[in-house]
Each structure stands twice: as structure tokens, then as C-alpha cells.
Protein backbone atom coordinates (compact mmCIF):
# COMPACT_ATOMS: atom_id res chain seq x y z
CA UNK A 1 -1.68 6.32 19.94
CA UNK A 2 1.54 4.56 18.57
CA UNK A 3 4.05 5.37 16.03
CA UNK A 4 4.46 4.02 12.50
CA UNK A 5 5.80 4.73 9.26
CA UNK A 6 3.55 6.92 7.16
CA UNK A 7 3.71 6.06 3.49
CA UNK A 8 3.52 8.95 0.64
CA UNK A 9 1.28 6.93 -1.11
CA UNK A 10 0.87 8.84 -4.53
CA UNK A 11 1.45 5.25 -7.01
CA UNK A 12 2.65 3.06 -4.70
CA UNK A 13 4.09 2.53 -0.95
CA UNK A 14 7.28 4.82 -0.77
CA UNK A 15 7.48 3.53 3.34
CA UNK A 16 9.83 0.95 1.69
CA UNK A 17 11.90 3.43 0.79
CA UNK A 18 14.36 6.49 1.97
CA UNK A 19 12.52 9.45 2.43
CA UNK A 20 9.47 8.34 4.02
CA UNK A 21 8.53 10.64 7.58
CA UNK A 22 7.47 8.77 10.85
CA UNK A 23 4.81 10.14 12.01
CA UNK A 24 1.95 9.28 15.04
CA UNK A 25 -1.36 7.76 13.56
CA UNK A 26 -4.32 6.74 15.10
CA UNK A 27 -5.40 3.30 15.34
CA UNK A 28 -8.65 2.84 14.62
CA UNK A 29 -10.51 -0.16 15.81
CA UNK A 30 -12.85 -2.15 13.25
CA UNK A 31 -16.53 -3.03 13.91
CA UNK A 32 -14.94 -6.52 14.68
CA UNK A 33 -12.99 -5.17 17.04
CA UNK A 34 -9.92 -7.19 15.75
CA UNK A 35 -8.65 -5.53 12.43
CA UNK A 36 -7.33 -1.97 12.63
CA UNK A 37 -6.27 0.43 10.36
CA UNK A 38 -3.86 3.50 10.54
CA UNK A 39 -4.42 7.06 8.99
CA UNK A 40 -1.37 9.30 8.31
CA UNK A 41 -1.53 12.76 7.59
CA UNK A 42 -0.58 14.00 4.21
CA UNK A 43 2.39 16.25 3.15
CA UNK A 44 1.10 18.71 1.10
CA UNK A 45 4.26 18.72 -0.66
CA UNK A 46 4.33 15.31 -1.16
CA UNK A 47 0.71 14.88 -2.68
CA UNK A 48 0.25 13.97 -6.19
CA UNK A 49 -0.36 17.08 -8.33
CA UNK A 50 -3.53 15.49 -9.61
CA UNK A 51 -4.95 14.85 -6.42
CA UNK A 52 -7.99 17.00 -5.55
CA UNK A 53 -8.79 16.17 -2.38
CA UNK A 54 -5.23 16.39 -1.03
CA UNK A 55 -5.60 19.91 -0.07
CA UNK A 56 -5.70 19.34 3.64
CA UNK A 57 -2.48 19.71 5.37
CA UNK A 58 -3.45 17.08 7.69
CA UNK A 59 -6.59 14.37 6.21
CA UNK A 60 -7.04 12.15 8.77
CA UNK A 61 -9.45 10.07 6.72
CA UNK A 62 -6.40 8.33 4.64
CA UNK A 63 -5.71 4.63 5.18
CA UNK A 64 -2.41 3.56 4.94
CA UNK A 65 -0.44 0.22 6.25
CA UNK A 66 -0.05 -0.61 9.50
CA UNK A 67 3.49 0.13 10.27
CA UNK A 68 6.60 -1.30 7.90
CA UNK A 69 5.78 -5.02 9.37
CA UNK A 70 2.37 -5.21 7.82
CA UNK A 71 1.85 -8.84 6.63
CA UNK A 72 -0.72 -7.09 4.54
CA UNK A 73 2.04 -5.09 2.78
CA UNK A 74 3.49 -7.59 -0.51
CA UNK A 75 7.01 -6.99 0.85
CA UNK A 76 6.04 -8.73 3.80
CA UNK A 77 4.46 -11.71 2.23
CA UNK A 78 5.45 -15.07 3.47
CA UNK A 79 8.37 -16.69 1.32
CA UNK A 80 6.53 -19.28 -0.16
CA UNK A 81 3.54 -16.92 -1.57
CA UNK A 82 6.33 -14.64 -2.80
CA UNK A 83 8.11 -17.79 -4.54
CA UNK A 84 4.52 -19.11 -5.93
CA UNK A 85 3.93 -15.59 -7.40
CA UNK A 86 7.28 -15.20 -9.01
CA UNK A 87 7.16 -18.67 -10.60
CA UNK A 88 3.91 -18.64 -12.00
CA UNK A 89 4.42 -14.77 -13.41
CA UNK A 90 7.67 -16.18 -14.86
CA UNK A 91 5.36 -19.00 -16.15
CA UNK A 92 3.13 -16.53 -17.85
CA UNK A 93 5.63 -14.39 -19.56
CA UNK A 94 7.35 -17.59 -20.92
CA UNK A 95 4.11 -18.28 -22.39
CA UNK A 96 4.08 -15.04 -24.25
CA UNK A 97 7.37 -15.12 -25.67
CA UNK A 98 6.57 -18.94 -27.02
CA UNK A 99 3.84 -17.83 -28.59
CA UNK A 100 6.29 -15.19 -30.67
CA UNK A 101 8.95 -17.95 -32.46
CA UNK A 102 6.49 -21.19 -32.50
CA UNK A 103 5.14 -19.81 -36.01
CA UNK A 104 8.05 -19.17 -37.43
CA UNK A 105 8.68 -23.77 -37.45
CA UNK A 106 5.85 -23.42 -40.09
CA UNK A 107 7.10 -20.99 -42.28
CA UNK A 108 7.61 -23.19 -45.21
CA UNK A 109 3.77 -24.97 -44.69
CA UNK A 110 2.46 -21.29 -44.54
CA UNK A 111 4.61 -20.27 -47.97
CA UNK A 112 2.94 -23.27 -49.65
CA UNK A 113 -0.25 -22.89 -48.14
CA UNK A 114 -1.09 -19.46 -49.05
CA UNK A 115 1.52 -18.79 -51.89
CA UNK A 116 3.23 -16.09 -50.21
CA UNK A 117 7.22 -15.47 -50.25
CA UNK A 118 9.32 -16.12 -46.97
CA UNK A 119 9.54 -12.28 -46.40
CA UNK A 120 5.60 -11.97 -46.00
CA UNK A 121 5.35 -15.60 -44.03
CA UNK A 122 8.07 -14.02 -41.54
CA UNK A 123 5.73 -10.89 -40.78
CA UNK A 124 3.56 -12.82 -39.04
CA UNK A 125 6.15 -13.30 -36.18
CA UNK A 126 6.90 -9.25 -36.94
CA UNK A 127 3.55 -8.16 -36.46
CA UNK A 128 3.47 -10.19 -33.50
CA UNK A 129 6.47 -8.22 -32.13
CA UNK A 130 5.09 -5.02 -33.21
CA UNK A 131 1.88 -5.81 -31.08
CA UNK A 132 4.37 -6.25 -28.35
CA UNK A 133 5.71 -2.97 -28.63
CA UNK A 134 2.49 -1.05 -28.48
CA UNK A 135 0.54 -2.94 -26.16
CA UNK A 136 2.66 -1.74 -22.83
CA UNK A 137 1.63 1.58 -23.86
CA UNK A 138 -2.04 0.52 -22.38
CA UNK A 139 -1.34 -2.19 -20.47
CA UNK A 140 1.52 -0.63 -18.17
CA UNK A 141 -0.46 2.30 -16.97
CA UNK A 142 -3.73 -0.37 -16.32
CA UNK A 143 -1.69 -2.03 -13.87
CA UNK A 144 -0.51 1.18 -12.07
CA UNK A 145 -4.19 2.40 -12.14
CA UNK A 146 -6.29 -0.85 -11.29
CA UNK A 147 -3.63 -3.35 -10.62
CA UNK A 148 -0.98 -5.74 -11.69
CA UNK A 149 -3.19 -9.29 -11.63
CA UNK A 150 -6.29 -7.66 -13.79
CA UNK A 151 -4.11 -6.04 -16.15
CA UNK A 152 -2.09 -8.87 -16.95
CA UNK A 153 -4.64 -12.21 -16.91
CA UNK A 154 -7.54 -10.27 -18.83
CA UNK A 155 -5.02 -9.63 -21.82
CA UNK A 156 -3.25 -13.21 -21.61
CA UNK A 157 -6.98 -14.69 -22.12
CA UNK A 158 -7.37 -12.35 -25.22
CA UNK A 159 -3.83 -13.75 -26.42
CA UNK A 160 -5.00 -17.02 -26.09
CA UNK A 161 -8.03 -16.46 -28.15
CA UNK A 162 -6.07 -14.95 -31.05
CA UNK A 163 -3.79 -18.06 -30.82
CA UNK A 164 -6.65 -20.20 -31.66
CA UNK A 165 -7.42 -17.62 -34.39
CA UNK A 166 -4.10 -17.88 -36.22
CA UNK A 167 -4.68 -21.50 -35.95
CA UNK A 168 -7.84 -21.74 -38.03
CA UNK A 169 -6.98 -18.56 -40.46
CA UNK A 170 -7.99 -19.47 -44.00
CA UNK A 171 -6.08 -16.64 -45.63
CA UNK A 172 -3.11 -14.17 -45.04
CA UNK A 173 -4.53 -11.19 -43.74
CA UNK A 174 -6.28 -13.41 -41.03
CA UNK A 175 -2.85 -15.07 -39.98
CA UNK A 176 -1.53 -11.64 -39.79
CA UNK A 177 -4.15 -9.80 -38.22
CA UNK A 178 -4.58 -12.25 -35.48
CA UNK A 179 -1.03 -12.53 -35.13
CA UNK A 180 -0.69 -8.72 -34.50
CA UNK A 181 -3.65 -8.85 -31.57
CA UNK A 182 -2.15 -11.75 -29.88
CA UNK A 183 1.26 -9.73 -30.00
CA UNK A 184 -0.54 -6.50 -28.13
CA UNK A 185 -2.07 -8.59 -25.53
CA UNK A 186 0.82 -10.90 -25.01
CA UNK A 187 2.81 -7.41 -24.39
CA UNK A 188 0.88 -7.46 -20.63
CA UNK A 189 3.35 -10.15 -18.87
CA UNK A 190 6.36 -8.57 -20.50
CA UNK A 191 5.37 -5.37 -19.39
CA UNK A 192 4.23 -5.55 -15.97
CA UNK A 193 5.80 -8.69 -14.33
CA UNK A 194 8.57 -6.50 -13.46
CA UNK A 195 6.34 -4.35 -11.20
CA UNK A 196 5.42 -7.42 -9.78
CA UNK A 197 8.55 -8.19 -8.85
CA UNK A 198 9.24 -4.41 -7.67
CA UNK A 199 6.40 -5.00 -5.36
CA UNK A 200 7.01 -8.19 -3.55
CA UNK A 201 11.05 -8.35 -3.16
CA UNK A 202 13.05 -5.74 -1.57
CA UNK A 203 16.20 -4.60 -3.68
CA UNK A 204 18.77 -7.07 -1.95
CA UNK A 205 16.52 -10.14 -3.32
CA UNK A 206 15.50 -8.44 -6.32
CA UNK A 207 17.92 -9.38 -8.55
CA UNK A 208 17.48 -13.31 -8.01
CA UNK A 209 13.82 -12.71 -8.62
CA UNK A 210 14.62 -11.05 -11.70
CA UNK A 211 16.72 -13.82 -12.61
CA UNK A 212 13.98 -16.10 -12.84
CA UNK A 213 11.73 -13.68 -14.64
CA UNK A 214 14.82 -13.44 -17.06
CA UNK A 215 15.18 -16.96 -17.67
CA UNK A 216 11.83 -17.15 -18.49
CA UNK A 217 11.52 -14.52 -20.97
CA UNK A 218 14.60 -16.30 -23.16
CA UNK A 219 13.46 -19.97 -22.60
CA UNK A 220 9.75 -19.47 -24.74
CA UNK A 221 11.53 -18.06 -27.73
CA UNK A 222 14.23 -20.52 -27.98
CA UNK A 223 12.23 -23.76 -26.89
CA UNK A 224 9.17 -23.38 -28.94
CA UNK A 225 11.12 -23.84 -32.43
CA UNK A 226 11.97 -27.23 -31.27
CA UNK A 227 8.53 -28.23 -30.17
CA UNK A 228 7.17 -26.47 -33.78
CA UNK A 229 9.74 -28.24 -35.89
CA UNK A 230 8.70 -31.66 -34.66
CA UNK A 231 5.13 -30.56 -35.19
CA UNK A 232 5.90 -29.69 -38.91
CA UNK A 233 8.29 -32.97 -39.43
CA UNK A 234 5.36 -35.12 -37.79
CA UNK A 235 2.43 -33.64 -39.32
CA UNK A 236 2.92 -32.63 -43.06
CA UNK A 237 0.38 -29.16 -44.08
CA UNK A 238 -0.83 -28.81 -40.80
CA UNK A 239 1.91 -28.66 -38.26
CA UNK A 240 1.95 -24.88 -38.06
CA UNK A 241 -1.69 -24.91 -37.04
CA UNK A 242 -1.19 -27.09 -34.48
CA UNK A 243 1.49 -24.99 -32.97
CA UNK A 244 -1.06 -22.43 -32.76
CA UNK A 245 -3.63 -24.70 -31.05
CA UNK A 246 -0.83 -26.37 -28.47
CA UNK A 247 -0.10 -22.30 -27.79
CA UNK A 248 -3.67 -21.51 -27.27
CA UNK A 249 -4.04 -24.61 -24.89
CA UNK A 250 -0.77 -23.76 -22.82
CA UNK A 251 -1.34 -20.27 -22.12
CA UNK A 252 -5.24 -21.07 -20.64
CA UNK A 253 -3.58 -23.74 -18.67
CA UNK A 254 -1.00 -21.25 -17.17
CA UNK A 255 -4.25 -18.44 -17.01
CA UNK A 256 -5.99 -20.63 -14.80
CA UNK A 257 -3.05 -21.35 -12.22
CA UNK A 258 -2.98 -17.76 -12.11
CA UNK A 259 -6.00 -16.97 -11.63
CA UNK A 260 -6.10 -19.16 -8.51
CA UNK A 261 -2.85 -19.10 -7.01
CA UNK A 262 -1.98 -15.18 -7.66
CA UNK A 263 -3.26 -12.45 -5.74
CA UNK A 264 -2.75 -8.75 -6.36
CA UNK A 265 0.73 -6.94 -5.32
CA UNK A 266 0.54 -3.43 -6.51
CA UNK A 267 0.07 -1.24 -2.96
CA UNK A 268 -1.88 1.43 -4.13
CA UNK A 269 -4.70 -0.80 -5.12
CA UNK A 270 -4.35 -2.93 -1.87
CA UNK A 271 -4.89 0.05 0.15
CA UNK A 272 -8.03 1.09 -2.14
CA UNK A 273 -9.61 -1.78 -1.40
CA UNK A 274 -8.50 -1.67 2.47
CA UNK A 275 -10.37 1.93 2.47
CA UNK A 276 -13.29 0.08 0.49
CA UNK A 277 -13.94 -2.47 3.20
CA UNK A 278 -13.29 -0.29 6.35
CA UNK A 279 -15.67 2.44 5.22
CA UNK A 280 -18.30 -0.56 5.04
CA UNK A 281 -17.07 -1.80 8.57
CA UNK A 282 -16.66 1.55 10.07
CA UNK A 283 -19.45 3.84 8.33
CA UNK A 284 -16.92 6.21 7.62
CA UNK A 285 -17.52 6.97 4.03
CA UNK A 286 -15.14 9.51 4.17
CA UNK A 287 -12.07 7.10 4.64
CA UNK A 288 -9.97 6.59 1.58
CA UNK A 289 -6.28 5.73 -0.01
CA UNK A 290 -4.20 8.26 -1.77
CA UNK A 291 -4.92 6.19 -4.50
CA UNK A 292 -8.23 6.98 -4.60
CA UNK A 293 -7.63 10.97 -4.98
CA UNK A 294 -5.86 10.38 -8.37
CA UNK A 295 -7.11 12.35 -11.52
CA UNK A 296 -8.24 9.70 -14.03
CA UNK A 297 -9.70 11.53 -16.17
CA UNK A 298 -9.05 10.80 -20.37
CA UNK A 299 -6.52 13.94 -20.41
CA UNK A 300 -4.84 13.03 -17.43
CA UNK A 301 -4.58 9.59 -18.78
CA UNK A 302 -2.99 10.53 -21.90
CA UNK A 303 -0.56 12.97 -20.62
CA UNK A 304 0.60 10.69 -17.50
CA UNK A 305 0.51 6.95 -18.76
CA UNK A 306 0.60 7.15 -22.57
CA UNK A 307 3.44 9.63 -23.01
CA UNK A 308 5.30 8.39 -20.11
CA UNK A 309 7.00 5.68 -21.58
CA UNK A 310 7.33 7.92 -24.69
CA UNK A 311 9.36 10.52 -22.63
CA UNK A 312 11.39 8.16 -20.89
CA UNK A 313 13.36 7.01 -24.33
CA UNK A 314 14.11 10.92 -24.79
CA UNK A 315 15.82 10.39 -21.28
CA UNK A 316 19.87 9.69 -22.65
CA UNK A 317 20.13 7.15 -19.86
CA UNK A 318 17.31 5.46 -20.51
CA UNK A 319 17.55 5.66 -24.42
CA UNK A 320 21.51 3.97 -24.43
CA UNK A 321 20.39 1.23 -22.01
CA UNK A 322 17.12 0.36 -23.71
CA UNK A 323 18.88 0.68 -27.10
CA UNK A 324 21.79 -2.15 -26.28
CA UNK A 325 19.18 -4.20 -24.40
CA UNK A 326 16.99 -4.16 -27.67
CA UNK A 327 19.50 -4.49 -29.79
CA UNK A 328 20.66 -7.83 -27.80
CA UNK A 329 17.02 -8.63 -27.82
CA UNK A 330 17.01 -8.35 -31.43
CA UNK A 331 19.82 -10.51 -32.27
CA UNK A 332 18.17 -13.34 -30.47
CA UNK A 333 14.78 -13.33 -32.61
CA UNK A 334 17.70 -12.81 -35.63
CA UNK A 335 18.62 -16.13 -34.59
CA UNK A 336 15.08 -17.75 -35.15
CA UNK A 337 15.65 -17.42 -38.83
CA UNK A 338 19.38 -17.52 -39.13
CA UNK A 339 20.06 -21.04 -37.55
CA UNK A 340 17.79 -22.74 -39.73
CA UNK A 341 19.72 -20.81 -42.52
CA UNK A 342 22.92 -22.53 -41.48
CA UNK A 343 21.87 -26.21 -40.11
CA UNK A 344 19.20 -26.63 -42.66
CA UNK A 345 20.30 -24.77 -45.40
CA UNK A 346 24.07 -25.27 -44.98
CA UNK A 347 24.25 -28.47 -43.42
CA UNK A 348 21.42 -29.93 -44.49
CA UNK A 349 19.68 -31.08 -41.43
CA UNK A 350 15.88 -31.76 -40.75
CA UNK A 351 13.58 -29.41 -39.04
CA UNK A 352 13.82 -31.26 -35.70
CA UNK A 353 17.41 -31.59 -35.50
CA UNK A 354 18.23 -27.93 -36.93
CA UNK A 355 16.22 -26.35 -34.35
CA UNK A 356 18.10 -28.36 -31.26
CA UNK A 357 21.09 -25.79 -31.28
CA UNK A 358 18.97 -23.27 -29.84
CA UNK A 359 19.67 -25.24 -26.79
CA UNK A 360 22.86 -23.68 -26.92
CA UNK A 361 21.75 -20.07 -26.36
CA UNK A 362 19.26 -21.49 -23.79
CA UNK A 363 22.51 -23.13 -21.97
CA UNK A 364 24.91 -19.82 -22.52
CA UNK A 365 21.69 -17.86 -20.48
CA UNK A 366 21.95 -20.52 -17.78
CA UNK A 367 25.71 -19.60 -17.58
CA UNK A 368 24.59 -16.09 -17.70
CA UNK A 369 22.78 -16.70 -14.68
CA UNK A 370 25.57 -17.82 -12.81
CA UNK A 371 27.02 -14.45 -13.57
CA UNK A 372 24.47 -12.57 -12.18
CA UNK A 373 23.99 -14.72 -9.12
CA UNK A 374 27.53 -14.18 -8.42
CA UNK A 375 27.11 -10.24 -9.16
CA UNK A 376 24.00 -10.34 -6.30
CA UNK A 377 26.46 -10.37 -3.96
CA UNK A 378 28.42 -7.38 -5.57
CA UNK A 379 25.26 -5.29 -5.34
CA UNK A 380 24.62 -6.15 -1.92
CA UNK A 381 27.66 -4.95 -0.81
CA UNK A 382 27.51 -1.92 -2.49
CA UNK A 383 23.95 -0.96 -1.26
CA UNK A 384 25.21 -1.85 2.52
CA UNK A 385 27.96 0.64 1.90
CA UNK A 386 24.82 3.48 0.13
CA UNK A 387 23.17 2.70 3.53
CA UNK A 388 20.89 0.38 2.28
CA UNK A 389 19.37 2.74 -0.37
CA UNK A 390 19.68 0.76 -4.30
CA UNK A 391 22.44 1.67 -6.52
CA UNK A 392 21.63 1.06 -10.00
CA UNK A 393 25.17 1.59 -11.19
CA UNK A 394 26.07 -1.90 -9.21
CA UNK A 395 23.69 -3.76 -11.23
CA UNK A 396 25.70 -2.93 -14.67
CA UNK A 397 28.79 -5.39 -13.69
CA UNK A 398 27.29 -8.55 -15.38
CA UNK A 399 26.68 -5.91 -18.41
CA UNK A 400 30.03 -5.13 -18.35
CA UNK A 401 31.09 -9.29 -18.43
CA UNK A 402 28.26 -9.68 -21.29
CA UNK A 403 29.35 -7.09 -23.74
CA UNK A 404 32.51 -8.88 -24.18
CA UNK A 405 30.72 -12.26 -24.70
CA UNK A 406 28.05 -10.65 -27.25
CA UNK A 407 30.58 -9.51 -29.53
CA UNK A 408 32.88 -12.50 -29.75
CA UNK A 409 30.13 -14.75 -29.97
CA UNK A 410 28.38 -13.04 -33.21
CA UNK A 411 32.00 -13.70 -34.71
CA UNK A 412 32.22 -17.09 -33.65
CA UNK A 413 29.07 -17.98 -35.21
CA UNK A 414 30.15 -15.60 -38.49
CA UNK A 415 33.37 -17.60 -39.02
CA UNK A 416 32.18 -20.79 -37.97
CA UNK A 417 29.53 -21.41 -39.94
CA UNK A 418 31.12 -23.23 -43.33
CA UNK A 419 29.93 -26.40 -43.23
CA UNK A 420 33.67 -28.27 -43.16
CA UNK A 421 33.98 -26.59 -39.49
CA UNK A 422 32.33 -29.00 -37.02
CA UNK A 423 29.04 -27.81 -35.88
CA UNK A 424 29.97 -27.32 -32.44
CA UNK A 425 31.97 -24.38 -32.81
CA UNK A 426 29.00 -22.63 -34.00
CA UNK A 427 27.11 -23.75 -31.02
CA UNK A 428 29.99 -22.60 -28.75
CA UNK A 429 29.04 -18.98 -30.41
CA UNK A 430 25.40 -19.77 -29.57
CA UNK A 431 26.39 -20.22 -26.01
CA UNK A 432 28.16 -17.20 -25.65
CA UNK A 433 25.28 -15.10 -27.39
CA UNK A 434 23.33 -16.56 -25.07
CA UNK A 435 25.24 -15.70 -21.69
CA UNK A 436 25.82 -12.33 -23.16
CA UNK A 437 22.07 -11.98 -24.13
CA UNK A 438 20.76 -13.06 -20.40
CA UNK A 439 23.43 -10.59 -18.73
CA UNK A 440 23.13 -7.31 -20.50
CA UNK A 441 19.09 -7.32 -20.79
CA UNK A 442 18.91 -8.53 -17.61
CA UNK A 443 21.10 -5.91 -16.10
CA UNK A 444 19.12 -3.57 -18.36
CA UNK A 445 15.75 -4.49 -16.42
CA UNK A 446 17.27 -4.55 -12.92
CA UNK A 447 19.04 -0.90 -13.95
CA UNK A 448 15.54 0.45 -14.98
CA UNK A 449 13.55 -0.79 -12.06
CA UNK A 450 15.79 0.31 -9.66
CA UNK A 451 15.77 3.76 -10.88
CA UNK A 452 12.00 3.93 -11.79
CA UNK A 453 11.09 1.94 -8.91
CA UNK A 454 7.43 3.27 -8.40
CA UNK A 455 6.65 3.76 -12.23
CA UNK A 456 8.53 0.35 -13.10
CA UNK A 457 5.89 -1.18 -15.28
CA UNK A 458 5.80 2.10 -17.80
CA UNK A 459 9.94 2.15 -17.90
CA UNK A 460 9.59 -1.82 -18.85
CA UNK A 461 7.30 -0.18 -21.33
CA UNK A 462 9.24 2.19 -22.86
CA UNK A 463 12.04 -0.72 -23.34
CA UNK A 464 9.38 -2.74 -24.50
CA UNK A 465 8.78 -0.75 -27.12
CA UNK A 466 12.24 -0.08 -28.43
CA UNK A 467 13.10 -4.02 -28.60
CA UNK A 468 10.48 -5.17 -29.87
CA UNK A 469 10.23 -2.80 -33.01
CA UNK A 470 13.96 -3.78 -33.66
CA UNK A 471 13.33 -7.25 -33.01
CA UNK A 472 10.66 -7.33 -35.31
CA UNK A 473 12.55 -5.39 -37.58
CA UNK A 474 15.44 -7.26 -37.95
CA UNK A 475 14.39 -10.95 -39.12
CA UNK A 476 12.92 -8.99 -42.26
CA UNK A 477 16.18 -8.39 -43.37
CA UNK A 478 17.83 -11.48 -42.10
CA UNK A 479 17.19 -13.91 -45.29
CA UNK A 480 18.64 -11.18 -47.74
CA UNK A 481 21.44 -10.34 -45.48
CA UNK A 482 22.46 -13.81 -44.80
CA UNK A 483 22.30 -14.66 -48.56
CA UNK A 484 24.12 -11.55 -49.91
CA UNK A 485 26.64 -11.20 -47.31
CA UNK A 486 27.04 -14.68 -46.10
CA UNK A 487 26.76 -15.73 -42.78
CA UNK A 488 30.26 -14.73 -41.91
CA UNK A 489 30.40 -11.23 -43.11
CA UNK A 490 26.54 -10.81 -42.06
CA UNK A 491 27.68 -11.93 -38.16
CA UNK A 492 30.44 -9.56 -38.59
CA UNK A 493 28.93 -6.64 -39.14
CA UNK A 494 26.56 -7.02 -35.96
CA UNK A 495 29.72 -7.89 -34.08
CA UNK A 496 31.42 -4.80 -35.21
CA UNK A 497 28.15 -3.07 -33.94
CA UNK A 498 28.34 -4.58 -30.68
CA UNK A 499 32.18 -3.47 -30.03
CA UNK A 500 30.97 -0.17 -30.66
CA UNK A 501 28.48 -0.29 -27.87
CA UNK A 502 30.99 -2.38 -25.20
CA UNK A 503 31.85 1.27 -23.72
CA UNK A 504 27.88 1.88 -22.38
CA UNK A 505 27.98 0.08 -19.42
CA UNK A 506 31.36 1.53 -18.44
CA UNK A 507 30.40 4.44 -18.87
CA UNK A 508 27.25 4.36 -17.04
CA UNK A 509 28.93 2.37 -13.94
CA UNK A 510 31.32 5.25 -13.85
CA UNK A 511 29.25 8.20 -14.55
CA UNK A 512 25.88 6.96 -14.16
CA UNK A 513 25.00 8.60 -10.58
CA UNK A 514 26.21 11.87 -12.03
CA UNK A 515 24.10 11.73 -15.13
CA UNK A 516 20.77 10.50 -13.20
CA UNK A 517 21.41 13.98 -10.98
CA UNK A 518 21.60 16.16 -14.46
CA UNK A 519 19.11 13.98 -16.41
CA UNK A 520 15.47 14.78 -16.80
CA UNK A 521 13.43 13.49 -13.90
CA UNK A 522 10.49 11.03 -14.43
CA UNK A 523 7.90 12.46 -11.72
CA UNK A 524 10.75 12.41 -9.38
CA UNK A 525 11.39 8.99 -9.34
CA UNK A 526 14.41 8.99 -11.88
CA UNK A 527 17.65 9.62 -10.51
CA UNK A 528 15.98 9.20 -6.77
CA UNK A 529 17.15 6.06 -5.56
CA UNK A 530 18.86 8.53 -2.78
CA UNK A 531 15.60 10.14 -1.93
CA UNK A 532 11.66 9.51 -3.21
CA UNK A 533 9.60 12.16 -4.23
CA UNK A 534 5.77 12.01 -4.60
CA UNK A 535 4.32 11.66 -8.18
CA UNK A 536 3.95 14.73 -10.30
CA UNK A 537 2.82 14.96 -13.86
CA UNK A 538 5.38 16.74 -15.32
CA UNK A 539 9.29 16.18 -16.36
CA UNK A 540 11.65 18.25 -14.42
CA UNK A 541 15.24 18.73 -14.46
CA UNK A 542 16.85 18.39 -11.29
CA UNK A 543 20.35 19.92 -10.79
CA UNK A 544 22.93 19.02 -8.21
């Protein structure tokens, strides 16, 4: 008999967090005499409400990790394996966001080919982003039921197929339909990769991992228009089609690398696989993981997984954090049609040269990454002062800094858009927006992952829903807004909205812990960085 950590394993390995208990467990030798597994009693108060098998006070057939240092636990993976997983998933995410904007480089060709207006042609990007909004409602729960890898790679393959479908489209409706379904399937990495990073990185290191993920999210939509512009300039009439062909090929190349080098990282699924193997080795068919006790009926799925992200949006903290992050995210997609108006329409540059200023936004994002790296030290200090428990509010420092750059960047690009003013001034405004986007968006993602740790994928699905709807809607009114108001006043209107949102991170930094304690609790995980309880399927209000 040897002591080890008994994990409360409803939807994940909670022994990595505060609130896990220490108990005596039995180490059962496998038939080969080498492999062992540990079994631990179920705490009836921590059993999931939808666990029909968890009625015993002491079930000796629960398969668990072999202590906190078990190498099978994703948090204990070798550093090289963690880095490879993070980099590949980041490239996967970049491919998904790349596909969202490369289409826009060929808007004029699409208008000419199908005889449609610019607004109708822009629906291709809008439908893609609306698909991004809906997809996580399916793929986020799939990742929590069947694992991260399968819930990302299968949809990713389908996104590649629909990209090829857009490339060969013969009419407008085919373009829009294929773009919509490509967006649905592309949403899988966007909503689930944050959960992967939560699986494999401890809170002290998770900020740097999310930094890589965030760079990938913004790099795709900013680099793709440059490549698309080169195709349009050099391949008259069919440049937009080759943009979609190249997108499909890129996605398949990334998919192949993911298939061979990425392993499953979700602890409940890993324990289920371990239990299955041990059943065969020992002949004890009662062995199982807590994850396998879950009720997976359609009613349970609908209530728990499809409604949870929507319920999250009702929570005031989740709503306001998501609103701010979504507004910033939508501004990035608003620049996709606005930059061509400025540099191709006002300044008369061609499609390739007119797309290069997007690099200014990307450069700003890298500066934002430096701010986030600096803030990581602050977060580690705050966490150490909190007995090594996560402190979500400490994630908001970069957002507080970025809020001023965001408003300032919008005013700069607005009032330096005149042709008589040197183009570098407009690009400086783009740098400010890139810095602001990255710090605000990344802080919001980190805050959500810290707060909704075990349901990170569903929390990010709620974020994805709101930000994709706004990002899809903003470009539709871009041409009318910037034509009627002018770039100066149109950007100023958006700048005033940004100014009104500046207090959001400061309010949550000051009152966040109190609000989390009084706000709605998602299955015991919302506001529970100080203690983690098991998952139930209903919402309850926690009061101090």
C-alpha cells in the first residue's frame, strides 16, 4: 500500500489543483508484472450528478493516475513533447484563421465572375465566421467527451475539403454554402486548442503557451491577404480560386503532421483508455474511469454541452470579458476590407503592396507578446502569494495596458488616413491596434481558462460564439460606414466605443474575486480557483 493523490475525476484530473484529497490506494500489478494502476475511493459528494455507477461510498474499481508524478498525466509530459504539441496545434489554428481572410483578396474577381455586389461577395467571409460561431457548440463538448485530438483533426479535414469545394464553385450559392461549412469545421481548433494547453501546461507556464496560440490566431488572417493579393495580381480571373486551393493543401499538410506527432491530452479520456487496457490485462471487467460513468444520453448532452456555452454568456463576468475581446477581435476583421480602402482606394497601391500594411498589425501583436511575457512574471508572483493557486485577475494586467493602445490606435488610423499624410502614420496606428488586440484578447483567453479550468473548451466556445458573430457582421457595414462617414470619423466612432470599454479590465481586476464569488457558478468551476468541486449539470449561485 502506498499513498498517492486521489483525483476527483469527473471531467478531468482534478488532482492537479487545490481541493484534491490524499488517500491510501492499492497498486495492482498487471499481468506483465511491470505496469501498475491505482484505484481510489469515490467521494460521494464529489461524484458527478450524472454518474449512475457512482453510488458506492468506496468503489475499488476506479482507475486513476499513479500519483501526481505519473508520466502518463499530460502535465508531466516531457518538455519537448509539450512544445511539439503546442507548436503543431498553433499551426493548426493558424490554418483555420488563414482560411477566413484569404478569400477576401479575390473579392473583385468574385464580383466580376458572378456579377454580384461587394456586400454579397463579402458574405463569403461573413458566412465563414458565422460558421466559426456555431461549430464550437458541437466540437467543444465532443472534445470533453471523446478527447481533444479526434475533435480537432476530423473537422479540420472537412474544412480542407470544403475549401476545395469553394475553389471549384460555379455559382454564388455554392461559394457561400462551402464557406459556411468550412467555417463550422474550422472552428474546432479555435475552440479546443485552449483546452489542450490547459491539459498540458501548469498555470505558471500556461501564459507562455497561450502566447504561442494567440500569435497563431492573429497571424493567419493578417498574412493570408498578402498571399491572396499576390495570387490575384499574377493570376487574373482565377487568383481567388488558387487561394482556396492553396488553403486546402496547407490544411492537409498540417493535418498530416498533427496525425503523426500529436497525442491525446485530455486526462479523462486517457484514464478511460488506461481502464480499457487494464480490463484486458487483469480480466477484471469492473475496472473503469469516472469519465466512463457519465450519462451520455442525448438529453444530457443537450442540457450540459449545448446549453452550457450559452449559459456562460449570461454570466456578467463572462459576458463583459467576452464582449471586450469580441469587439477587439471584430476590429481585426474589420481591417481586412478597410485597409484596401485606404491603401488601394485612397492611395492607389496595387493588391500586393496594398496588403503589406497588414504586417504593421502583426508587428504590433509581437510587441503585445512582449508585454504578455513581462506580465507573466507578475502573474507568477501573484500566484506564489496565493499559495500557488491560480489568480485570474492577475491575467488582466496586459488587458489594462492594451485598452489604451486600442483606443489610441483607432484614432491614429482615423486621422492619418488622408493621402497627404505619410503612410507610415497609418501603419503606426495599425501597430497600436495589433498590440492592443493581442494583449486584450490573450488576457481574456487566459482569464477564461483560469476561471473555467476543467470546462475550458466550453468557455472558449462561448467566447468563440460572440466574437465570430461580431467579426462576421462588422465587415458587412464597413464599406457603407467608411464611405459615408469617411475613414476619419468612422474610426473615431469605433475609438469612442473603445474608450468606453477601457474601465472593464480595471473593474474586474479590482472587484473580480468578489464578483466571481457572487456570480453564477458553472458546475462548481466558475469562481472556484480557490477550491475545485465536482461537475454537476445545473447552475447554482455561490454566495460568500
